[in-house]
Amino acid sequence: MIENKQYRVRKSEVTSPRELPEIIRQSLAKNTLRWYVAQVTHDEYVIEATNIAEDRNQIELPTERSYCPGKRVVLSVIPTGIGSDIGGYAGDAAPATNLLASAVDYLITNPNAVNASDFVGLNQDNIIYADGCCIDMFCQGLADLHIPYSNRIGLIIEKCDDRELDVIFNVVNAVRAVHGVQLTDILITDQAIGGRCVENQTGAFVGTVDNPGILLHSCEKLIQRGATALAVTTNIRDLPLDNYAKHFEGKYPNPIGGVEAVISYLITDTFHVPAAHAPLLNVKQLDLKHRVIDARGAGEMVSESGLACVLVGLRKAPQIHPNSNVRMKDILSLNNLITVVSPASCLGGISAIYAQKYNIPVIAVQENHTILDVTKSKMGLDNVIEVHNYAEAAGVILALSKGINLEALSRPLTTLRYKY
């Protein structure tokens, strides 16, 4: 069983922001899949967490860490289900992502930044498409990212009717023919997986899964058959259609993103292979105010299924537990990470909190509004560089990667003098 639960940590327990990750970890259940600070009050940090009660045979990560000098790496995170103005819709953060990628050797990002159903914004070879669980492990220093030449993708399709299967297999054949994606095997479940939308107490969307055992058993079969990355496509239940229509008007968070994150976290946390979820069929029967919707969600609206972008993204998704059957072209470690880029109002995630612990700067983009209000000042972070937009963020990244002190780029410039 998967449940979403709220935890609270008193500010009086935290004497330094660098202590916060360990204090939060101790307050959570041992079976926590994912968490983030969703709210900061005068006295407390409020943490939203997703836990799983099922017993699982988890793969152990390698304990030996790599050091890979010479590579400049940036992580750009745009969390799902929190209504990000940029990246909260259907691949609408792709232009910003590609801009940031042009400033470094590698740009790591989470799937929803570039996923747009039949479209995917991976316009540069140095963009690393990594699921949230892989990113969290990387940011905590628990795993390196091993970049493959190509993954062998296993696809899990939730039990559905023949018409839906026709759509999915047409998508599968299209990405094989157009993008050269390699699928090792396809498994159709004989029971529903049952992913459901859940709106948590802070208004962000998460999710739950009725039958996680069916999902995990299917994953195990595909891995045994040689899959090195896993794609899952299911229909999403409990979708609030009125609010989903508001999403396409640009006025509401995407309710699907949260349950997608839970499904991919569950797979990666258990088997340590890259994973991503896509809606089996995109919902079209909505009471829309405008037939031409908000431009940011158009990629989803014009696509029948959400699967194509996931299969393309997973083709070169990084491994955190290297497979001897997969040839790797590069390795990235936490030592390579120059900075983390995030919307300025959601600095309560693992990437921002652990960046503080490891003294890695965080670039907070103020124009990318979200429904949260977890800011630099509320979190007490002292490693945050606030910028207006992603164009400014790209300039800061260039300065950091070249070792240019940001103070030297602004005026007035303090004059240093010695005392007589």
Foldseek 3Di string as FASTA:
>chain_A
DKDKDKDKDWPVVDPDLLCVVVSVVVRDDPQWLFKWQFAFDPTIGIMITMGDPDDAQFDDFDQDDDDDPDFAEEEEEEAAQFLWLQLQAALRLLVLQVLLCVQGQAYEYEQSNFFLQQGGSCPDPRYAHFAPQVVLCQLLQNFWWFWFPWFAEEEEEEDDDPVLVVQVVVLVVVCCVPVVFHHQYYHYFPHGQAWEWDQDPLRGIAIDTPHVVSVQVVVVVRVVSPGQEYEYEHAYPPQPQQQCLVVQQSRGGNRPRRSQSVSQSVNCRGYQGGYTYWYSFQDAPGPHPDPNTDPRNVSSNVHGISPNNRSSNSTGHTGRHDDPVTHTDDIGHSVSYQEYEYAFQRCGGSNNSSCQNVVHAYEHAPCGDTSGRRHCVSSVGDRYDYDHHSVVVSVVSNCSVVVHDVLVVDPPRDDDDDDD
